[in-house]
C-alpha cells in the first residue's frame, strides 16, 4: 500500500533508490546516451521538464544548447516526445555511428 502512495504522489521517485535504476544509469553512461538539445530553438515552455519522470532539468540545458548526459536519465524519451519545437532528440554512441554512415 505504501508503494502505491509513493508512486502516486512522488512519481518515479523510487528510481533514485532502486538498483535497476542505478544499473540503467551506468549502462546509459557506457553507451554514450544523451539527449541532444540544439536541433531548433527552445521556446522555454517547460514541457520537457514536466514530462521527465526523473525530474531532470532539461529546460535549462535546452536553453543553453548543451546535451543532457545525466546519470539519472533512463532513456525513456518522454522529453523528446513532449517537445513542441522538436528541439530534443535521443542518441547513443552506436546510433551516432549508424547515422553518420
C-alpha atoms as a PDB file:
ATOM      1  CA  UNK A   1       0.000   0.000   0.000  1.00  0.00           C
ATOM      2  CA  UNK A   2       2.854   2.374   0.823  1.00  0.00           C
ATOM      3  CA  UNK A   3       4.432   1.755  -2.594  1.00  0.00           C
ATOM      4  CA  UNK A   4       1.150   2.699  -4.281  1.00  0.00           C
ATOM      5  CA  UNK A   5       1.006   6.051  -2.448  1.00  0.00           C
ATOM      6  CA  UNK A   6       4.688   6.647  -3.093  1.00  0.00           C
ATOM      7  CA  UNK A   7       4.201   6.176  -6.847  1.00  0.00           C
ATOM      8  CA  UNK A   8       1.014   8.275  -6.949  1.00  0.00           C
ATOM      9  CA  UNK A   9       2.403  11.240  -5.025  1.00  0.00           C
ATOM     10  CA  UNK A  10       6.093  11.208  -5.946  1.00  0.00           C
ATOM     11  CA  UNK A  11       6.001   9.719  -9.431  1.00  0.00           C
ATOM     12  CA  UNK A  12       9.038   7.613 -10.197  1.00  0.00           C
ATOM     13  CA  UNK A  13      10.962   8.758  -7.143  1.00  0.00           C
ATOM     14  CA  UNK A  14      11.688   5.135  -6.313  1.00  0.00           C
ATOM     15  CA  UNK A  15      14.015   5.009  -9.351  1.00  0.00           C
ATOM     16  CA  UNK A  16      16.540   7.060  -7.364  1.00  0.00           C
ATOM     17  CA  UNK A  17      16.949   4.183  -4.907  1.00  0.00           C
ATOM     18  CA  UNK A  18      16.118   1.117  -6.993  1.00  0.00           C
ATOM     19  CA  UNK A  19      19.121  -0.989  -8.015  1.00  0.00           C
ATOM     20  CA  UNK A  20      17.671  -1.320 -11.517  1.00  0.00           C
ATOM     21  CA  UNK A  21      17.595   2.476 -11.927  1.00  0.00           C
ATOM     22  CA  UNK A  22      21.245   2.633 -10.866  1.00  0.00           C
ATOM     23  CA  UNK A  23      22.200  -0.105 -13.334  1.00  0.00           C
ATOM     24  CA  UNK A  24      20.301   1.667 -16.145  1.00  0.00           C
ATOM     25  CA  UNK A  25      22.150   4.880 -15.306  1.00  0.00           C
ATOM     26  CA  UNK A  26      25.529   3.185 -15.595  1.00  0.00           C
ATOM     27  CA  UNK A  27      24.525   1.441 -18.841  1.00  0.00           C
ATOM     28  CA  UNK A  28      23.459   4.797 -20.247  1.00  0.00           C
ATOM     29  CA  UNK A  29      26.888   6.249 -19.417  1.00  0.00           C
ATOM     30  CA  UNK A  30      28.681   3.299 -21.015  1.00  0.00           C
ATOM     31  CA  UNK A  31      26.563   3.526 -24.173  1.00  0.00           C
ATOM     32  CA  UNK A  32      27.115   7.271 -24.527  1.00  0.00           C
ATOM     33  CA  UNK A  33      23.405   8.027 -24.144  1.00  0.00           C
ATOM     34  CA  UNK A  34      22.455  11.679 -24.327  1.00  0.00           C
ATOM     35  CA  UNK A  35      19.605  13.979 -25.196  1.00  0.00           C
ATOM     36  CA  UNK A  36      20.667  16.494 -27.845  1.00  0.00           C
ATOM     37  CA  UNK A  37      19.133  19.901 -27.160  1.00  0.00           C
ATOM     38  CA  UNK A  38      20.212  22.158 -30.016  1.00  0.00           C
ATOM     39  CA  UNK A  39      18.170  20.998 -33.015  1.00  0.00           C
ATOM     40  CA  UNK A  40      15.876  24.043 -33.149  1.00  0.00           C
ATOM     41  CA  UNK A  41      15.261  26.985 -30.833  1.00  0.00           C
ATOM     42  CA  UNK A  42      13.928  26.250 -27.332  1.00  0.00           C
ATOM     43  CA  UNK A  43      10.851  28.377 -26.552  1.00  0.00           C
ATOM     44  CA  UNK A  44      11.187  27.853 -22.773  1.00  0.00           C
ATOM     45  CA  UNK A  45       7.757  26.194 -22.450  1.00  0.00           C
ATOM     46  CA  UNK A  46       8.828  23.637 -19.813  1.00  0.00           C
ATOM     47  CA  UNK A  47       7.071  20.675 -21.458  1.00  0.00           C
ATOM     48  CA  UNK A  48      10.260  18.598 -21.323  1.00  0.00           C
ATOM     49  CA  UNK A  49      10.686  19.156 -17.578  1.00  0.00           C
ATOM     50  CA  UNK A  50       7.045  18.279 -16.959  1.00  0.00           C
ATOM     51  CA  UNK A  51       7.332  15.079 -18.990  1.00  0.00           C
ATOM     52  CA  UNK A  52      10.552  13.827 -17.385  1.00  0.00           C
ATOM     53  CA  UNK A  53       9.731  11.173 -14.778  1.00  0.00           C
ATOM     54  CA  UNK A  54      13.207  11.557 -13.271  1.00  0.00           C
ATOM     55  CA  UNK A  55      12.855  15.338 -12.702  1.00  0.00           C
ATOM     56  CA  UNK A  56      15.936  16.247 -14.752  1.00  0.00           C
ATOM     57  CA  UNK A  57      16.186  19.955 -15.598  1.00  0.00           C
ATOM     58  CA  UNK A  58      16.159  19.592 -19.383  1.00  0.00           C
ATOM     59  CA  UNK A  59      14.796  23.078 -20.000  1.00  0.00           C
ATOM     60  CA  UNK A  60      17.892  24.766 -18.579  1.00  0.00           C
ATOM     61  CA  UNK A  61      20.177  22.622 -20.757  1.00  0.00           C
ATOM     62  CA  UNK A  62      17.986  23.239 -23.827  1.00  0.00           C
ATOM     63  CA  UNK A  63      18.162  26.998 -23.341  1.00  0.00           C
ATOM     64  CA  UNK A  64      21.966  26.750 -23.325  1.00  0.00           C
ATOM     65  CA  UNK A  65      22.063  24.188 -26.164  1.00  0.00           C
ATOM     66  CA  UNK A  66      24.011  21.688 -24.029  1.00  0.00           C
ATOM     67  CA  UNK A  67      23.394  17.934 -24.280  1.00  0.00           C
ATOM     68  CA  UNK A  68      21.813  16.161 -21.312  1.00  0.00           C
ATOM     69  CA  UNK A  69      24.058  13.362 -20.051  1.00  0.00           C
ATOM     70  CA  UNK A  70      22.649  12.893 -16.559  1.00  0.00           C
ATOM     71  CA  UNK A  71      23.193   9.591 -14.779  1.00  0.00           C
ATOM     72  CA  UNK A  72      19.545   9.776 -13.677  1.00  0.00           C
ATOM     73  CA  UNK A  73      18.310   9.680 -17.295  1.00  0.00           C
ATOM     74  CA  UNK A  74      16.958   6.211 -18.118  1.00  0.00           C
ATOM     75  CA  UNK A  75      16.392   6.979 -21.809  1.00  0.00           C
ATOM     76  CA  UNK A  76      12.595   6.796 -21.790  1.00  0.00           C
ATOM     77  CA  UNK A  77      12.276   9.577 -24.404  1.00  0.00           C
ATOM     78  CA  UNK A  78       9.247  11.259 -22.797  1.00  0.00           C
ATOM     79  CA  UNK A  79      11.000  14.635 -23.010  1.00  0.00           C
ATOM     80  CA  UNK A  80      11.703  14.164 -26.720  1.00  0.00           C
ATOM     81  CA  UNK A  81       8.037  13.353 -27.390  1.00  0.00           C
ATOM     82  CA  UNK A  82       6.827  16.310 -25.305  1.00  0.00           C
ATOM     83  CA  UNK A  83       8.975  18.950 -27.014  1.00  0.00           C
ATOM     84  CA  UNK A  84       6.732  21.212 -29.104  1.00  0.00           C
ATOM     85  CA  UNK A  85       9.546  22.557 -31.285  1.00  0.00           C
ATOM     86  CA  UNK A  86      11.318  19.223 -31.925  1.00  0.00           C
ATOM     87  CA  UNK A  87      14.397  20.655 -30.230  1.00  0.00           C
ATOM     88  CA  UNK A  88      15.300  17.387 -28.470  1.00  0.00           C
ATOM     89  CA  UNK A  89      16.498  14.045 -29.785  1.00  0.00           C
ATOM     90  CA  UNK A  90      17.794  10.865 -28.184  1.00  0.00           C
ATOM     91  CA  UNK A  91      21.084   9.344 -29.273  1.00  0.00           C
ATOM     92  CA  UNK A  92      23.814   6.946 -28.186  1.00  0.00           C
ATOM     93  CA  UNK A  93      27.314   6.348 -29.484  1.00  0.00           C
ATOM     94  CA  UNK A  94      26.053   3.379 -31.515  1.00  0.00           C
ATOM     95  CA  UNK A  95      23.163   5.358 -33.050  1.00  0.00           C
ATOM     96  CA  UNK A  96      25.510   8.213 -33.914  1.00  0.00           C
ATOM     97  CA  UNK A  97      27.868   5.872 -35.761  1.00  0.00           C
ATOM     98  CA  UNK A  98      24.996   4.316 -37.716  1.00  0.00           C
ATOM     99  CA  UNK A  99      23.502   7.652 -38.732  1.00  0.00           C
ATOM    100  CA  UNK A 100      26.856   9.069 -39.868  1.00  0.00           C
ATOM    101  CA  UNK A 101      27.333   6.308 -42.465  1.00  0.00           C
END
